[in-house]
Amino acid sequence: MKTINIYTMEHDIKLVEVEITKLNKSLKKLSFTEKQEKEILLNIKKPGWTTPAEFRMFMDALKNVSKIQFSRQVR
């Protein structure tokens, strides 16, 4: 069995750059206008807007995107 040293592995930096650029563009598309944000906040208060499983997935996605945005602001 071959041991892999993660500190000396070669990385495809170009691929990382491409993926970061794609992520940034996607996040920009996700941003809401103030009107859209108000509509979303009204809709989530309506009973039955989502199932418990969808709610869990939605919350996990929100938390992860928030972490990404926060880590960009800290740097």
C-alpha atoms as a PDB file:
ATOM      1  CA  MET A   1       0.000   0.000   0.000  1.00  0.00           C
ATOM      2  CA  LYS A   2       1.429   3.349  -1.059  1.00  0.00           C
ATOM      3  CA  THR A   3       1.442   6.167   1.490  1.00  0.00           C
ATOM      4  CA  ILE A   4       0.401   9.575   0.204  1.00  0.00           C
ATOM      5  CA  ASN A   5       1.888  12.682   1.751  1.00  0.00           C
ATOM      6  CA  ILE A   6      -0.753  15.383   1.391  1.00  0.00           C
ATOM      7  CA  TYR A   7       1.811  18.130   1.905  1.00  0.00           C
ATOM      8  CA  THR A   8       3.888  17.215  -1.137  1.00  0.00           C
ATOM      9  CA  MET A   9       1.065  16.236  -3.512  1.00  0.00           C
ATOM     10  CA  GLU A  10       0.824  18.177  -6.716  1.00  0.00           C
ATOM     11  CA  HIS A  11      -2.354  20.190  -7.096  1.00  0.00           C
ATOM     12  CA  ASP A  12      -4.169  21.261 -10.221  1.00  0.00           C
ATOM     13  CA  ILE A  13      -4.192  24.958  -9.337  1.00  0.00           C
ATOM     14  CA  LYS A  14      -5.798  25.933 -12.654  1.00  0.00           C
ATOM     15  CA  LEU A  15      -8.744  23.657 -11.866  1.00  0.00           C
ATOM     16  CA  VAL A  16      -9.065  25.241  -8.418  1.00  0.00           C
ATOM     17  CA  GLU A  17      -9.064  28.707 -10.016  1.00  0.00           C
ATOM     18  CA  VAL A  18     -11.785  27.681 -12.460  1.00  0.00           C
ATOM     19  CA  GLU A  19     -13.955  26.240  -9.682  1.00  0.00           C
ATOM     20  CA  ILE A  20     -13.515  29.311  -7.466  1.00  0.00           C
ATOM     21  CA  THR A  21     -14.526  31.557 -10.365  1.00  0.00           C
ATOM     22  CA  LYS A  22     -17.589  29.403 -11.081  1.00  0.00           C
ATOM     23  CA  LEU A  23     -18.567  29.455  -7.395  1.00  0.00           C
ATOM     24  CA  ASN A  24     -18.194  33.227  -7.218  1.00  0.00           C
ATOM     25  CA  LYS A  25     -20.413  33.691 -10.291  1.00  0.00           C
ATOM     26  CA  SER A  26     -23.009  31.337  -8.832  1.00  0.00           C
ATOM     27  CA  LEU A  27     -23.048  33.189  -5.522  1.00  0.00           C
ATOM     28  CA  LYS A  28     -23.541  36.493  -7.330  1.00  0.00           C
ATOM     29  CA  LYS A  29     -26.561  35.020  -9.108  1.00  0.00           C
ATOM     30  CA  LEU A  30     -27.990  33.960  -5.743  1.00  0.00           C
ATOM     31  CA  SER A  31     -28.030  37.449  -4.283  1.00  0.00           C
ATOM     32  CA  PHE A  32     -31.486  38.934  -3.868  1.00  0.00           C
ATOM     33  CA  THR A  33     -32.870  42.389  -4.352  1.00  0.00           C
ATOM     34  CA  GLU A  34     -34.424  43.911  -1.239  1.00  0.00           C
ATOM     35  CA  LYS A  35     -37.896  43.222  -2.670  1.00  0.00           C
ATOM     36  CA  GLN A  36     -37.058  39.566  -3.348  1.00  0.00           C
ATOM     37  CA  GLU A  37     -35.669  39.154   0.152  1.00  0.00           C
ATOM     38  CA  LYS A  38     -38.883  40.530   1.687  1.00  0.00           C
ATOM     39  CA  GLU A  39     -40.971  38.146  -0.455  1.00  0.00           C
ATOM     40  CA  ILE A  40     -38.876  35.155   0.597  1.00  0.00           C
ATOM     41  CA  LEU A  41     -39.090  36.112   4.270  1.00  0.00           C
ATOM     42  CA  LEU A  42     -42.886  36.367   3.961  1.00  0.00           C
ATOM     43  CA  ASN A  43     -43.178  33.002   2.173  1.00  0.00           C
ATOM     44  CA  ILE A  44     -41.158  31.006   4.702  1.00  0.00           C
ATOM     45  CA  LYS A  45     -43.602  32.042   7.433  1.00  0.00           C
ATOM     46  CA  LYS A  46     -46.501  30.358   5.622  1.00  0.00           C
ATOM     47  CA  PRO A  47     -47.454  26.916   6.964  1.00  0.00           C
ATOM     48  CA  GLY A  48     -46.332  24.062   4.731  1.00  0.00           C
ATOM     49  CA  TRP A  49     -43.773  26.018   2.707  1.00  0.00           C
ATOM     50  CA  THR A  50     -41.486  22.989   2.859  1.00  0.00           C
ATOM     51  CA  THR A  51     -41.210  19.447   4.210  1.00  0.00           C
ATOM     52  CA  PRO A  52     -39.030  18.682   7.265  1.00  0.00           C
ATOM     53  CA  ALA A  53     -36.406  17.020   5.028  1.00  0.00           C
ATOM     54  CA  GLU A  54     -36.335  19.946   2.615  1.00  0.00           C
ATOM     55  CA  PHE A  55     -36.080  22.326   5.560  1.00  0.00           C
ATOM     56  CA  ARG A  56     -33.001  20.490   6.862  1.00  0.00           C
ATOM     57  CA  MET A  57     -31.346  20.540   3.436  1.00  0.00           C
ATOM     58  CA  PHE A  58     -32.235  24.215   2.979  1.00  0.00           C
ATOM     59  CA  MET A  59     -30.773  25.161   6.377  1.00  0.00           C
ATOM     60  CA  ASP A  60     -27.569  23.214   5.726  1.00  0.00           C
ATOM     61  CA  ALA A  61     -27.153  24.971   2.376  1.00  0.00           C
ATOM     62  CA  LEU A  62     -27.760  28.397   3.937  1.00  0.00           C
ATOM     63  CA  LYS A  63     -25.251  27.748   6.716  1.00  0.00           C
ATOM     64  CA  ASN A  64     -22.588  26.553   4.284  1.00  0.00           C
ATOM     65  CA  VAL A  65     -23.009  29.502   1.934  1.00  0.00           C
ATOM     66  CA  SER A  66     -22.914  31.864   4.919  1.00  0.00           C
ATOM     67  CA  LYS A  67     -19.650  30.278   6.070  1.00  0.00           C
ATOM     68  CA  ILE A  68     -18.143  30.821   2.626  1.00  0.00           C
ATOM     69  CA  GLN A  69     -19.184  34.463   2.569  1.00  0.00           C
ATOM     70  CA  PHE A  70     -17.956  35.033   6.145  1.00  0.00           C
ATOM     71  CA  SER A  71     -14.562  33.480   5.434  1.00  0.00           C
ATOM     72  CA  ARG A  72     -14.147  35.799   2.439  1.00  0.00           C
ATOM     73  CA  GLN A  73     -14.901  38.854   4.620  1.00  0.00           C
ATOM     74  CA  VAL A  74     -12.448  37.834   7.335  1.00  0.00           C
ATOM     75  CA  ARG A  75      -9.475  37.695   4.968  1.00  0.00           C
END
